[in-house]
Protein backbone atom coordinates (compact mmCIF):
# COMPACT_ATOMS: atom_id res chain seq x y z
CA MET A 1 57.08 90.05 78.82
CA PRO A 2 59.77 92.65 79.63
CA SER A 3 63.34 91.84 78.76
CA SER A 4 65.72 90.85 81.53
CA ASP A 5 67.61 94.11 80.97
CA SER A 6 64.61 96.24 81.86
CA GLN A 7 63.88 94.06 84.89
CA SER A 8 67.43 94.26 86.15
CA GLN A 9 67.32 98.06 86.20
CA ASN A 10 64.72 97.91 88.97
CA GLU A 11 66.03 94.91 90.88
CA PHE A 12 68.05 95.02 94.06
CA ARG A 13 71.63 94.59 92.81
CA PHE A 14 73.40 94.30 96.13
CA PRO A 15 74.12 90.84 97.53
CA ARG A 16 71.47 89.24 99.66
CA ASN A 17 74.02 88.50 102.40
CA MET A 18 74.62 92.19 103.11
CA LYS A 19 74.94 93.06 106.79
CA PRO A 20 71.65 94.41 108.20
CA GLU A 21 73.25 97.69 109.34
CA GLY A 22 74.35 98.31 105.75
CA LEU A 23 70.89 97.86 104.25
CA ASN A 24 69.65 101.30 105.32
CA ASN A 25 72.63 102.90 103.61
CA VAL A 26 71.90 101.01 100.40
CA TYR A 27 68.79 103.08 99.92
CA CYS A 28 70.74 106.30 100.51
CA PHE A 29 73.72 105.48 98.31
CA ASP A 30 72.62 102.84 95.79
CA ARG A 31 72.52 105.30 92.88
CA LEU A 32 75.96 106.63 93.80
CA ILE A 33 77.78 103.29 93.83
CA LEU A 34 78.79 101.94 90.45
CA PRO A 35 76.40 99.16 89.33
CA LEU A 36 79.44 97.04 88.45
CA LEU A 37 80.57 97.22 92.09
CA GLN A 38 77.18 96.65 93.73
CA PRO A 39 77.15 92.82 93.69
CA TYR A 40 80.40 92.78 95.69
CA VAL A 41 79.36 95.20 98.44
CA ILE A 42 78.85 93.46 101.77
CA ASN A 43 78.38 96.59 103.88
CA ILE A 44 78.07 100.35 103.43
CA GLN A 45 78.83 102.63 106.34
CA ASP A 46 78.01 106.29 106.13
CA ILE A 47 80.45 108.49 107.98
CA GLU A 48 79.81 111.73 109.85
CA PRO A 49 80.04 114.52 107.23
CA ASP A 50 82.22 116.93 109.17
CA GLY A 51 85.16 117.46 106.82
CA ASN A 52 86.99 114.61 108.55
CA CYS A 53 84.89 112.00 106.74
CA GLY A 54 87.75 110.70 104.59
CA PHE A 55 89.86 110.17 107.69
CA ARG A 56 86.82 108.71 109.52
CA SER A 57 86.38 106.14 106.75
CA VAL A 58 89.87 104.70 107.20
CA PRO A 59 89.53 103.33 110.76
CA VAL A 60 86.20 101.77 109.76
CA GLY A 61 88.01 99.93 106.96
CA LEU A 62 90.67 98.84 109.46
CA GLY A 63 88.01 97.44 111.81
CA PHE A 64 87.80 100.32 114.29
CA ASP A 65 85.23 102.97 115.09
CA GLU A 66 85.12 106.09 112.92
CA ASN A 67 85.94 108.19 115.99
CA HIS A 68 89.57 107.07 115.67
CA TRP A 69 90.04 109.60 112.83
CA ALA A 70 92.46 111.79 114.83
CA PHE A 71 94.68 108.74 115.45
CA ILE A 72 94.64 108.04 111.69
CA ARG A 73 95.73 111.62 110.95
CA GLN A 74 98.47 111.33 113.57
CA GLN A 75 99.76 108.05 112.11
CA LEU A 76 99.72 109.41 108.55
CA LEU A 77 101.59 112.53 109.63
CA HIS A 78 104.19 110.35 111.37
CA GLU A 79 104.56 108.27 108.19
CA LEU A 80 105.00 111.40 106.05
CA ASP A 81 107.56 112.92 108.40
CA PHE A 82 109.53 109.69 108.91
CA ASN A 83 109.87 109.16 105.14
CA ALA A 84 109.74 112.81 104.10
CA ASP A 85 112.44 112.62 101.42
CA LEU A 86 110.85 109.58 99.77
CA TYR A 87 107.36 111.09 99.73
CA ARG A 88 108.68 114.42 98.41
CA TYR A 89 110.36 112.55 95.58
CA VAL A 90 107.29 110.43 94.77
CA PHE A 91 104.70 113.21 94.90
CA ASN A 92 106.64 116.26 93.72
CA SER A 93 108.16 114.46 90.74
CA TYR A 94 104.80 114.38 88.96
CA ASP A 95 102.85 117.06 90.85
CA PRO A 96 105.21 119.81 92.12
CA GLY A 97 104.30 121.09 95.58
CA SER A 98 101.81 118.30 96.26
CA SER A 99 103.89 116.88 99.11
CA ASP A 100 103.41 120.10 101.10
CA VAL A 101 99.70 120.22 100.22
CA LEU A 102 99.32 116.63 101.38
CA ARG A 103 101.05 117.29 104.69
CA ASN A 104 98.83 120.33 105.28
CA THR A 105 95.63 118.38 104.60
CA ILE A 106 96.63 115.70 107.11
CA ASN A 107 98.05 118.02 109.78
CA ARG A 108 94.92 118.80 111.81
CA GLN A 109 94.12 117.42 115.25
CA GLN A 110 91.34 119.76 116.38
CA ILE A 111 88.18 117.96 117.44
CA ALA A 112 85.93 120.06 115.24
CA PRO A 113 84.65 120.07 111.67
CA ALA A 114 87.54 120.36 109.24
CA PRO A 115 87.67 123.18 106.69
CA ALA A 116 88.19 122.27 103.02
CA GLU A 117 91.97 122.74 103.16
CA HIS A 118 92.13 119.77 105.58
CA TRP A 119 89.93 117.37 103.60
CA MET A 120 91.46 114.14 102.37
CA PHE A 121 93.70 114.71 99.33
CA MET A 122 93.31 111.61 97.16
CA PRO A 123 94.94 109.62 95.69
CA HIS A 124 98.00 110.98 97.52
CA THR A 125 96.63 110.20 100.98
CA GLY A 126 95.71 106.73 99.78
CA LEU A 127 99.36 105.93 99.16
CA VAL A 128 100.31 107.04 102.67
CA ILE A 129 97.43 105.00 104.14
CA ALA A 130 98.53 101.93 102.18
CA GLN A 131 102.12 102.29 103.32
CA ARG A 132 101.46 103.15 106.98
CA PHE A 133 98.88 100.45 107.65
CA GLY A 134 100.10 97.81 105.19
CA VAL A 135 96.79 97.70 103.34
CA ILE A 136 95.48 97.93 99.82
CA VAL A 137 93.29 100.99 99.30
CA HIS A 138 90.41 100.93 96.84
CA LEU A 139 89.09 104.35 95.91
CA PHE A 140 85.87 104.61 93.93
CA SER A 141 84.91 108.03 92.62
CA SER A 142 83.34 109.75 89.64
CA GLN A 143 86.83 109.79 88.09
CA GLY A 144 86.92 106.00 88.11
CA PRO A 145 88.19 103.28 90.43
CA GLN A 146 91.77 103.28 91.70
CA THR A 147 93.70 100.64 93.60
CA ILE A 148 96.66 101.78 95.68
CA PHE A 149 99.33 99.44 97.04
CA PRO A 150 102.10 100.08 99.57
CA LEU A 151 105.28 101.19 97.80
CA TRP A 152 108.02 100.03 100.15
CA THR A 153 106.49 96.88 101.59
CA SER A 154 106.31 93.58 99.78
CA ALA A 155 102.92 91.89 99.53
CA ASN A 156 104.65 88.73 100.77
CA SER A 157 105.38 90.41 104.11
CA PHE A 158 101.66 90.39 104.98
CA PRO A 159 100.10 87.05 105.90
CA ARG A 160 96.73 88.17 104.51
CA HIS A 161 95.84 91.22 102.48
CA LYS A 162 93.68 93.78 104.21
CA VAL A 163 91.69 96.14 102.01
CA VAL A 164 90.25 99.56 102.85
CA SER A 165 87.58 100.59 100.34
CA LEU A 166 86.40 104.19 100.16
CA VAL A 167 83.77 105.76 97.96
CA HIS A 168 84.23 109.47 97.27
CA LEU A 169 80.92 111.23 96.63
CA ASP A 170 82.03 114.70 95.50
CA ILE A 171 82.49 116.22 98.99
CA HIS A 172 81.86 113.17 101.18
CA TYR A 173 83.42 109.76 101.79
CA ILE A 174 81.72 106.55 102.81
CA ASN A 175 83.26 103.19 103.64
CA VAL A 176 82.28 100.04 101.79
CA THR A 177 83.22 96.47 102.62
CA LEU A 178 83.72 94.29 99.57
């Protein structure tokens, strides 16, 4: 009889209560999502791969349609500009010039595929997302998982924590619900 370890390698690791619309994406992305994370995934939503996919993943995590990506960019740009001195201090103190790079990646409103210089710049953008929308951002990538909290807002000021979980797959983002 095979050991339970060899059986578990071939078993479906995702929870049985996964939303039906997420099941199709399991077969596309199951090998790309960390096995440790798989039992906690309730839904996987693929996002249109047009260079705006990182920004398309955010509204999905906030409960909106991915087509609200331009609004997300606009809100992040407003957040950066409103607190420009604070963000320059935070980002440039450990990565000189990154504040300007971040602003450039976000500053695009054209309704067209985004070139590489306007792709989401993580984890920097994650901090701005967390702060602007009062959420916790989970980022899962080949470099390991990261959790990003708002800097200037107390967790006690939110009645319930909202989490936006993104999976970065080299040049594409998908949204997962945990």
